[in-house]
Amino acid sequence: MKFKEMISKRAFWKSVLFLGLGFLIVYDIVSMLFEYGGFHFEAYFTDRTEDGKLFRFIVGQLLAAFAYGFIISFGQFRAKQKKDVEN
């Protein structure tokens, strides 16, 4: 499967979406635990979105989720392709 074929599959983009969202949830929770020592959602999100930082926070989160989801999904689909070729 070539790159264009791989990214044209609906399953690929579904995987990108779910892996990206999963990454965001885990990343934000781990960051919150390290920085605040517990589950302090209001303080965590207030610090990141106050003083006009909301747009930067949202764009950063979306770009990070997309990058992680795309890289991991691409690796998974590529590994599956190699496995199918060997068999």
PDB file of N, CA and C in Angstrom:
ATOM      1  N   MET A   1       0.852  -1.169   0.000  1.00  0.00           N
ATOM      2  CA  MET A   1       0.000   0.000   0.000  1.00  0.00           C
ATOM      3  C   MET A   1       0.901   1.236   0.000  1.00  0.00           C
ATOM      4  N   LYS A   2       0.676   2.100  -0.936  1.00  0.00           N
ATOM      5  CA  LYS A   2       1.459   3.316  -1.031  1.00  0.00           C
ATOM      6  C   LYS A   2       0.906   4.370  -0.079  1.00  0.00           C
ATOM      7  N   PHE A   3       1.699   5.421   0.099  1.00  0.00           N
ATOM      8  CA  PHE A   3       1.328   6.480   1.032  1.00  0.00           C
ATOM      9  C   PHE A   3      -0.046   7.064   0.709  1.00  0.00           C
ATOM     10  N   LYS A   4      -0.270   7.422  -0.545  1.00  0.00           N
ATOM     11  CA  LYS A   4      -1.553   8.027  -0.923  1.00  0.00           C
ATOM     12  C   LYS A   4      -2.716   7.071  -0.706  1.00  0.00           C
ATOM     13  N   GLU A   5      -2.491   5.796  -0.975  1.00  0.00           N
ATOM     14  CA  GLU A   5      -3.542   4.801  -0.733  1.00  0.00           C
ATOM     15  C   GLU A   5      -3.839   4.700   0.755  1.00  0.00           C
ATOM     16  N   MET A   6      -2.777   4.733   1.551  1.00  0.00           N
ATOM     17  CA  MET A   6      -2.934   4.584   2.992  1.00  0.00           C
ATOM     18  C   MET A   6      -3.729   5.749   3.579  1.00  0.00           C
ATOM     19  N   ILE A   7      -3.375   6.972   3.189  1.00  0.00           N
ATOM     20  CA  ILE A   7      -4.062   8.119   3.781  1.00  0.00           C
ATOM     21  C   ILE A   7      -5.445   8.354   3.178  1.00  0.00           C
ATOM     22  N   SER A   8      -5.775   7.644   2.125  1.00  0.00           N
ATOM     23  CA  SER A   8      -7.118   7.790   1.555  1.00  0.00           C
ATOM     24  C   SER A   8      -8.123   6.844   2.209  1.00  0.00           C
ATOM     25  N   LYS A   9      -7.653   5.981   3.082  1.00  0.00           N
ATOM     26  CA  LYS A   9      -8.551   5.043   3.767  1.00  0.00           C
ATOM     27  C   LYS A   9      -9.203   5.712   4.980  1.00  0.00           C
ATOM     28  N   ARG A  10     -10.488   5.479   5.110  1.00  0.00           N
ATOM     29  CA  ARG A  10     -11.240   6.047   6.231  1.00  0.00           C
ATOM     30  C   ARG A  10     -10.725   5.501   7.574  1.00  0.00           C
ATOM     31  N   ALA A  11     -10.349   4.242   7.606  1.00  0.00           N
ATOM     32  CA  ALA A  11      -9.861   3.633   8.846  1.00  0.00           C
ATOM     33  C   ALA A  11      -8.594   4.327   9.340  1.00  0.00           C
ATOM     34  N   PHE A  12      -7.764   4.785   8.416  1.00  0.00           N
ATOM     35  CA  PHE A  12      -6.536   5.487   8.798  1.00  0.00           C
ATOM     36  C   PHE A  12      -6.872   6.767   9.555  1.00  0.00           C
ATOM     37  N   TRP A  13      -7.771   7.567   9.020  1.00  0.00           N
ATOM     38  CA  TRP A  13      -8.122   8.837   9.647  1.00  0.00           C
ATOM     39  C   TRP A  13      -8.898   8.636  10.947  1.00  0.00           C
ATOM     40  N   LYS A  14      -9.663   7.572  11.012  1.00  0.00           N
ATOM     41  CA  LYS A  14     -10.357   7.237  12.257  1.00  0.00           C
ATOM     42  C   LYS A  14      -9.333   6.916  13.346  1.00  0.00           C
ATOM     43  N   SER A  15      -8.310   6.180  12.964  1.00  0.00           N
ATOM     44  CA  SER A  15      -7.233   5.850  13.886  1.00  0.00           C
ATOM     45  C   SER A  15      -6.481   7.107  14.322  1.00  0.00           C
ATOM     46  N   VAL A  16      -6.214   8.010  13.378  1.00  0.00           N
ATOM     47  CA  VAL A  16      -5.541   9.275  13.705  1.00  0.00           C
ATOM     48  C   VAL A  16      -6.357  10.044  14.740  1.00  0.00           C
ATOM     49  N   LEU A  17      -7.655  10.120  14.534  1.00  0.00           N
ATOM     50  CA  LEU A  17      -8.531  10.855  15.441  1.00  0.00           C
ATOM     51  C   LEU A  17      -8.521  10.266  16.847  1.00  0.00           C
ATOM     52  N   PHE A  18      -8.750   8.963  16.954  1.00  0.00           N
ATOM     53  CA  PHE A  18      -8.845   8.350  18.277  1.00  0.00           C
ATOM     54  C   PHE A  18      -7.506   8.310  19.006  1.00  0.00           C
ATOM     55  N   LEU A  19      -6.429   8.037  18.295  1.00  0.00           N
ATOM     56  CA  LEU A  19      -5.115   8.053  18.937  1.00  0.00           C
ATOM     57  C   LEU A  19      -4.737   9.465  19.372  1.00  0.00           C
ATOM     58  N   GLY A  20      -5.060  10.445  18.549  1.00  0.00           N
ATOM     59  CA  GLY A  20      -4.775  11.834  18.899  1.00  0.00           C
ATOM     60  C   GLY A  20      -5.543  12.287  20.126  1.00  0.00           C
ATOM     61  N   LEU A  21      -6.827  11.971  20.174  1.00  0.00           N
ATOM     62  CA  LEU A  21      -7.635  12.342  21.340  1.00  0.00           C
ATOM     63  C   LEU A  21      -7.160  11.629  22.600  1.00  0.00           C
ATOM     64  N   GLY A  22      -6.821  10.358  22.457  1.00  0.00           N
ATOM     65  CA  GLY A  22      -6.285   9.616  23.594  1.00  0.00           C
ATOM     66  C   GLY A  22      -4.994  10.228  24.101  1.00  0.00           C
ATOM     67  N   PHE A  23      -4.139  10.630  23.177  1.00  0.00           N
ATOM     68  CA  PHE A  23      -2.883  11.283  23.545  1.00  0.00           C
ATOM     69  C   PHE A  23      -3.150  12.574  24.313  1.00  0.00           C
ATOM     70  N   LEU A  24      -4.079  13.383  23.828  1.00  0.00           N
ATOM     71  CA  LEU A  24      -4.375  14.652  24.502  1.00  0.00           C
ATOM     72  C   LEU A  24      -4.849  14.440  25.931  1.00  0.00           C
ATOM     73  N   ILE A  25      -5.723  13.490  26.106  1.00  0.00           N
ATOM     74  CA  ILE A  25      -6.251  13.229  27.444  1.00  0.00           C
ATOM     75  C   ILE A  25      -5.136  12.791  28.381  1.00  0.00           C
ATOM     76  N   VAL A  26      -4.344  11.831  27.938  1.00  0.00           N
ATOM     77  CA  VAL A  26      -3.250  11.333  28.782  1.00  0.00           C
ATOM     78  C   VAL A  26      -2.223  12.433  29.032  1.00  0.00           C
ATOM     79  N   TYR A  27      -1.849  13.168  27.996  1.00  0.00           N
ATOM     80  CA  TYR A  27      -0.847  14.227  28.130  1.00  0.00           C
ATOM     81  C   TYR A  27      -1.303  15.302  29.113  1.00  0.00           C
ATOM     82  N   ASP A  28      -2.543  15.760  28.975  1.00  0.00           N
ATOM     83  CA  ASP A  28      -3.033  16.811  29.865  1.00  0.00           C
ATOM     84  C   ASP A  28      -3.143  16.328  31.307  1.00  0.00           C
ATOM     85  N   ILE A  29      -3.570  15.098  31.507  1.00  0.00           N
ATOM     86  CA  ILE A  29      -3.669  14.570  32.874  1.00  0.00           C
ATOM     87  C   ILE A  29      -2.289  14.420  33.500  1.00  0.00           C
ATOM     88  N   VAL A  30      -1.338  13.876  32.757  1.00  0.00           N
ATOM     89  CA  VAL A  30       0.021  13.710  33.288  1.00  0.00           C
ATOM     90  C   VAL A  30       0.650  15.073  33.575  1.00  0.00           C
ATOM     91  N   SER A  31       0.476  16.026  32.668  1.00  0.00           N
ATOM     92  CA  SER A  31       1.007  17.378  32.893  1.00  0.00           C
ATOM     93  C   SER A  31       0.400  18.000  34.145  1.00  0.00           C
ATOM     94  N   MET A  32      -0.903  17.825  34.306  1.00  0.00           N
ATOM     95  CA  MET A  32      -1.588  18.368  35.470  1.00  0.00           C
ATOM     96  C   MET A  32      -1.064  17.737  36.761  1.00  0.00           C
ATOM     97  N   LEU A  33      -0.875  16.432  36.741  1.00  0.00           N
ATOM     98  CA  LEU A  33      -0.386  15.749  37.939  1.00  0.00           C
ATOM     99  C   LEU A  33       1.018  16.211  38.313  1.00  0.00           C
ATOM    100  N   PHE A  34       1.887  16.385  37.322  1.00  0.00           N
ATOM    101  CA  PHE A  34       3.252  16.824  37.608  1.00  0.00           C
ATOM    102  C   PHE A  34       3.299  18.281  38.068  1.00  0.00           C
ATOM    103  N   GLU A  35       2.519  19.139  37.455  1.00  0.00           N
ATOM    104  CA  GLU A  35       2.584  20.566  37.764  1.00  0.00           C
ATOM    105  C   GLU A  35       1.806  20.952  39.015  1.00  0.00           C
ATOM    106  N   TYR A  36       0.673  20.312  39.250  1.00  0.00           N
ATOM    107  CA  TYR A  36      -0.193  20.709  40.356  1.00  0.00           C
ATOM    108  C   TYR A  36      -0.295  19.655  41.452  1.00  0.00           C
ATOM    109  N   GLY A  37       0.280  18.498  41.243  1.00  0.00           N
ATOM    110  CA  GLY A  37       0.274  17.464  42.263  1.00  0.00           C
ATOM    111  C   GLY A  37      -1.077  16.811  42.481  1.00  0.00           C
ATOM    112  N   GLY A  38      -1.962  16.919  41.547  1.00  0.00           N
ATOM    113  CA  GLY A  38      -3.282  16.313  41.677  1.00  0.00           C
ATOM    114  C   GLY A  38      -4.181  16.717  40.529  1.00  0.00           C
ATOM    115  N   PHE A  39      -5.454  16.379  40.686  1.00  0.00           N
ATOM    116  CA  PHE A  39      -6.433  16.677  39.647  1.00  0.00           C
ATOM    117  C   PHE A  39      -7.056  18.055  39.896  1.00  0.00           C
ATOM    118  N   HIS A  40      -6.370  19.082  39.442  1.00  0.00           N
ATOM    119  CA  HIS A  40      -6.841  20.458  39.587  1.00  0.00           C
ATOM    120  C   HIS A  40      -7.161  21.000  38.194  1.00  0.00           C
ATOM    121  N   PHE A  41      -8.278  20.525  37.643  1.00  0.00           N
ATOM    122  CA  PHE A  41      -8.650  20.851  36.268  1.00  0.00           C
ATOM    123  C   PHE A  41      -8.827  22.353  36.045  1.00  0.00           C
ATOM    124  N   GLU A  42      -9.513  23.001  36.972  1.00  0.00           N
ATOM    125  CA  GLU A  42      -9.794  24.425  36.790  1.00  0.00           C
ATOM    126  C   GLU A  42      -8.507  25.244  36.752  1.00  0.00           C
ATOM    127  N   ALA A  43      -7.610  24.997  37.676  1.00  0.00           N
ATOM    128  CA  ALA A  43      -6.345  25.742  37.701  1.00  0.00           C
ATOM    129  C   ALA A  43      -5.502  25.434  36.469  1.00  0.00           C
ATOM    130  N   TYR A  44      -5.471  24.190  36.072  1.00  0.00           N
ATOM    131  CA  TYR A  44      -4.674  23.780  34.907  1.00  0.00           C
ATOM    132  C   TYR A  44      -5.137  24.494  33.643  1.00  0.00           C
ATOM    133  N   PHE A  45      -6.428  24.450  33.374  1.00  0.00           N
ATOM    134  CA  PHE A  45      -6.942  25.058  32.149  1.00  0.00           C
ATOM    135  C   PHE A  45      -7.004  26.585  32.239  1.00  0.00           C
ATOM    136  N   THR A  46      -7.193  27.128  33.428  1.00  0.00           N
ATOM    137  CA  THR A  46      -7.178  28.584  33.584  1.00  0.00           C
ATOM    138  C   THR A  46      -5.791  29.133  33.275  1.00  0.00           C
ATOM    139  N   ASP A  47      -4.758  28.491  33.798  1.00  0.00           N
ATOM    140  CA  ASP A  47      -3.385  28.937  33.535  1.00  0.00           C
ATOM    141  C   ASP A  47      -3.046  28.906  32.053  1.00  0.00           C
ATOM    142  N   ARG A  48      -3.591  27.963  31.340  1.00  0.00           N
ATOM    143  CA  ARG A  48      -3.250  27.807  29.925  1.00  0.00           C
ATOM    144  C   ARG A  48      -4.118  28.631  28.980  1.00  0.00           C
ATOM    145  N   THR A  49      -5.245  29.111  29.470  1.00  0.00           N
ATOM    146  CA  THR A  49      -6.157  29.820  28.569  1.00  0.00           C
ATOM    147  C   THR A  49      -6.380  31.280  28.936  1.00  0.00           C
ATOM    148  N   GLU A  50      -5.866  31.742  30.070  1.00  0.00           N
ATOM    149  CA  GLU A  50      -6.099  33.135  30.454  1.00  0.00           C
ATOM    150  C   GLU A  50      -5.187  34.083  29.675  1.00  0.00           C
ATOM    151  N   ASP A  51      -5.489  35.353  29.743  1.00  0.00           N
ATOM    152  CA  ASP A  51      -4.692  36.414  29.107  1.00  0.00           C
ATOM    153  C   ASP A  51      -4.526  36.203  27.611  1.00  0.00           C
ATOM    154  N   GLY A  52      -5.571  35.790  26.936  1.00  0.00           N
ATOM    155  CA  GLY A  52      -5.527  35.656  25.485  1.00  0.00           C
ATOM    156  C   GLY A  52      -4.786  34.444  24.970  1.00  0.00           C
ATOM    157  N   LYS A  53      -4.535  33.467  25.823  1.00  0.00           N
ATOM    158  CA  LYS A  53      -3.803  32.268  25.395  1.00  0.00           C
ATOM    159  C   LYS A  53      -4.721  31.132  24.950  1.00  0.00           C
ATOM    160  N   LEU A  54      -6.017  31.378  24.908  1.00  0.00           N
ATOM    161  CA  LEU A  54      -6.969  30.327  24.550  1.00  0.00           C
ATOM    162  C   LEU A  54      -6.721  29.805  23.139  1.00  0.00           C
ATOM    163  N   PHE A  55      -6.580  30.710  22.170  1.00  0.00           N
ATOM    164  CA  PHE A  55      -6.366  30.297  20.780  1.00  0.00           C
ATOM    165  C   PHE A  55      -5.077  29.492  20.647  1.00  0.00           C
ATOM    166  N   ARG A  56      -4.012  29.966  21.265  1.00  0.00           N
ATOM    167  CA  ARG A  56      -2.727  29.263  21.208  1.00  0.00           C
ATOM    168  C   ARG A  56      -2.827  27.879  21.847  1.00  0.00           C
ATOM    169  N   PHE A  57      -3.543  27.784  22.954  1.00  0.00           N
ATOM    170  CA  PHE A  57      -3.721  26.506  23.638  1.00  0.00           C
ATOM    171  C   PHE A  57      -4.478  25.518  22.756  1.00  0.00           C
ATOM    172  N   ILE A  58      -5.577  25.962  22.165  1.00  0.00           N
ATOM    173  CA  ILE A  58      -6.394  25.073  21.328  1.00  0.00           C
ATOM    174  C   ILE A  58      -5.624  24.632  20.093  1.00  0.00           C
ATOM    175  N   VAL A  59      -4.974  25.570  19.415  1.00  0.00           N
ATOM    176  CA  VAL A  59      -4.205  25.226  18.214  1.00  0.00           C
ATOM    177  C   VAL A  59      -3.061  24.279  18.564  1.00  0.00           C
ATOM    178  N   GLY A  60      -2.373  24.546  19.656  1.00  0.00           N
ATOM    179  CA  GLY A  60      -1.279  23.671  20.085  1.00  0.00           C
ATOM    180  C   GLY A  60      -1.755  22.261  20.399  1.00  0.00           C
ATOM    181  N   GLN A  61      -2.877  22.165  21.082  1.00  0.00           N
ATOM    182  CA  GLN A  61      -3.438  20.859  21.419  1.00  0.00           C
ATOM    183  C   GLN A  61      -3.838  20.095  20.162  1.00  0.00           C
ATOM    184  N   LEU A  62      -4.483  20.782  19.226  1.00  0.00           N
ATOM    185  CA  LEU A  62      -4.917  20.124  17.987  1.00  0.00           C
ATOM    186  C   LEU A  62      -3.731  19.684  17.132  1.00  0.00           C
ATOM    187  N   LEU A  63      -2.713  20.526  17.028  1.00  0.00           N
ATOM    188  CA  LEU A  63      -1.525  20.152  16.250  1.00  0.00           C
ATOM    189  C   LEU A  63      -0.788  18.976  16.884  1.00  0.00           C
ATOM    190  N   ALA A  64      -0.672  19.001  18.205  1.00  0.00           N
ATOM    191  CA  ALA A  64      -0.003  17.894  18.895  1.00  0.00           C
ATOM    192  C   ALA A  64      -0.784  16.595  18.719  1.00  0.00           C
ATOM    193  N   ALA A  65      -2.099  16.665  18.845  1.00  0.00           N
ATOM    194  CA  ALA A  65      -2.935  15.470  18.680  1.00  0.00           C
ATOM    195  C   ALA A  65      -2.829  14.930  17.264  1.00  0.00           C
ATOM    196  N   PHE A  66      -2.872  15.821  16.281  1.00  0.00           N
ATOM    197  CA  PHE A  66      -2.770  15.385  14.888  1.00  0.00           C
ATOM    198  C   PHE A  66      -1.410  14.753  14.612  1.00  0.00           C
ATOM    199  N   ALA A  67      -0.342  15.406  15.060  1.00  0.00           N
ATOM    200  CA  ALA A  67       1.003  14.880  14.803  1.00  0.00           C
ATOM    201  C   ALA A  67       1.176  13.504  15.430  1.00  0.00           C
ATOM    202  N   TYR A  68       0.798  13.362  16.695  1.00  0.00           N
ATOM    203  CA  TYR A  68       0.933  12.075  17.370  1.00  0.00           C
ATOM    204  C   TYR A  68       0.069  11.016  16.695  1.00  0.00           C
ATOM    205  N   GLY A  69      -1.190  11.335  16.462  1.00  0.00           N
ATOM    206  CA  GLY A  69      -2.102  10.377  15.841  1.00  0.00           C
ATOM    207  C   GLY A  69      -1.650   9.957  14.462  1.00  0.00           C
ATOM    208  N   PHE A  70      -1.169  10.910  13.663  1.00  0.00           N
ATOM    209  CA  PHE A  70      -0.730  10.601  12.306  1.00  0.00           C
ATOM    210  C   PHE A  70       0.502   9.703  12.319  1.00  0.00           C
ATOM    211  N   ILE A  71       1.482  10.041  13.135  1.00  0.00           N
ATOM    212  CA  ILE A  71       2.725   9.258  13.180  1.00  0.00           C
ATOM    213  C   ILE A  71       2.460   7.836  13.656  1.00  0.00           C
ATOM    214  N   ILE A  72       1.713   7.690  14.725  1.00  0.00           N
ATOM    215  CA  ILE A  72       1.440   6.359  15.268  1.00  0.00           C
ATOM    216  C   ILE A  72       0.564   5.552  14.312  1.00  0.00           C
ATOM    217  N   SER A  73      -0.464   6.166  13.751  1.00  0.00           N
ATOM    218  CA  SER A  73      -1.330   5.459  12.796  1.00  0.00           C
ATOM    219  C   SER A  73      -0.555   5.039  11.561  1.00  0.00           C
ATOM    220  N   PHE A  74       0.291   5.920  11.071  1.00  0.00           N
ATOM    221  CA  PHE A  74       1.096   5.592   9.903  1.00  0.00           C
ATOM    222  C   PHE A  74       1.983   4.384  10.200  1.00  0.00           C
ATOM    223  N   GLY A  75       2.610   4.375  11.362  1.00  0.00           N
ATOM    224  CA  GLY A  75       3.445   3.238  11.748  1.00  0.00           C
ATOM    225  C   GLY A  75       2.653   1.950  11.854  1.00  0.00           C
ATOM    226  N   GLN A  76       1.470   2.027  12.424  1.00  0.00           N
ATOM    227  CA  GLN A  76       0.635   0.838  12.563  1.00  0.00           C
ATOM    228  C   GLN A  76       0.189   0.309  11.207  1.00  0.00           C
ATOM    229  N   PHE A  77      -0.253   1.194  10.341  1.00  0.00           N
ATOM    230  CA  PHE A  77      -0.702   0.762   9.017  1.00  0.00           C
ATOM    231  C   PHE A  77       0.467   0.235   8.195  1.00  0.00           C
ATOM    232  N   ARG A  78       1.632   0.864   8.331  1.00  0.00           N
ATOM    233  CA  ARG A  78       2.819   0.413   7.601  1.00  0.00           C
ATOM    234  C   ARG A  78       3.242  -0.978   8.091  1.00  0.00           C
ATOM    235  N   ALA A  79       3.213  -1.206   9.404  1.00  0.00           N
ATOM    236  CA  ALA A  79       3.570  -2.516   9.957  1.00  0.00           C
ATOM    237  C   ALA A  79       2.588  -3.583   9.484  1.00  0.00           C
ATOM    238  N   LYS A  80       1.316  -3.244   9.452  1.00  0.00           N
ATOM    239  CA  LYS A  80       0.304  -4.192   8.968  1.00  0.00           C
ATOM    240  C   LYS A  80       0.546  -4.523   7.503  1.00  0.00           C
ATOM    241  N   GLN A  81       0.909  -3.519   6.728  1.00  0.00           N
ATOM    242  CA  GLN A  81       1.193  -3.730   5.312  1.00  0.00           C
ATOM    243  C   GLN A  81       2.381  -4.676   5.138  1.00  0.00           C
ATOM    244  N   LYS A  82       3.444  -4.465   5.881  1.00  0.00           N
ATOM    245  CA  LYS A  82       4.624  -5.328   5.772  1.00  0.00           C
ATOM    246  C   LYS A  82       4.293  -6.751   6.197  1.00  0.00           C
ATOM    247  N   LYS A  83       3.481  -6.886   7.236  1.00  0.00           N
ATOM    248  CA  LYS A  83       3.084  -8.208   7.706  1.00  0.00           C
ATOM    249  C   LYS A  83       2.260  -8.929   6.642  1.00  0.00           C
ATOM    250  N   ASP A  84       1.353  -8.210   5.995  1.00  0.00           N
ATOM    251  CA  ASP A  84       0.523  -8.806   4.945  1.00  0.00           C
ATOM    252  C   ASP A  84       1.355  -9.223   3.737  1.00  0.00           C
ATOM    253  N   VAL A  85       2.382  -8.456   3.408  1.00  0.00           N
ATOM    254  CA  VAL A  85       3.247  -8.775   2.267  1.00  0.00           C
ATOM    255  C   VAL A  85       4.065 -10.033   2.550  1.00  0.00           C
ATOM    256  N   GLU A  86       4.518 -10.189   3.792  1.00  0.00           N
ATOM    257  CA  GLU A  86       5.320 -11.358   4.165  1.00  0.00           C
ATOM    258  C   GLU A  86       4.504 -12.638   4.118  1.00  0.00           C
ATOM    259  N   ASN A  87       3.225 -12.557   4.405  1.00  0.00           N
ATOM    260  CA  ASN A  87       2.372 -13.761   4.436  1.00  0.00           C
ATOM    261  C   ASN A  87       1.815 -14.035   3.112  1.00  0.00           C
TER     262      ASN A  87
END
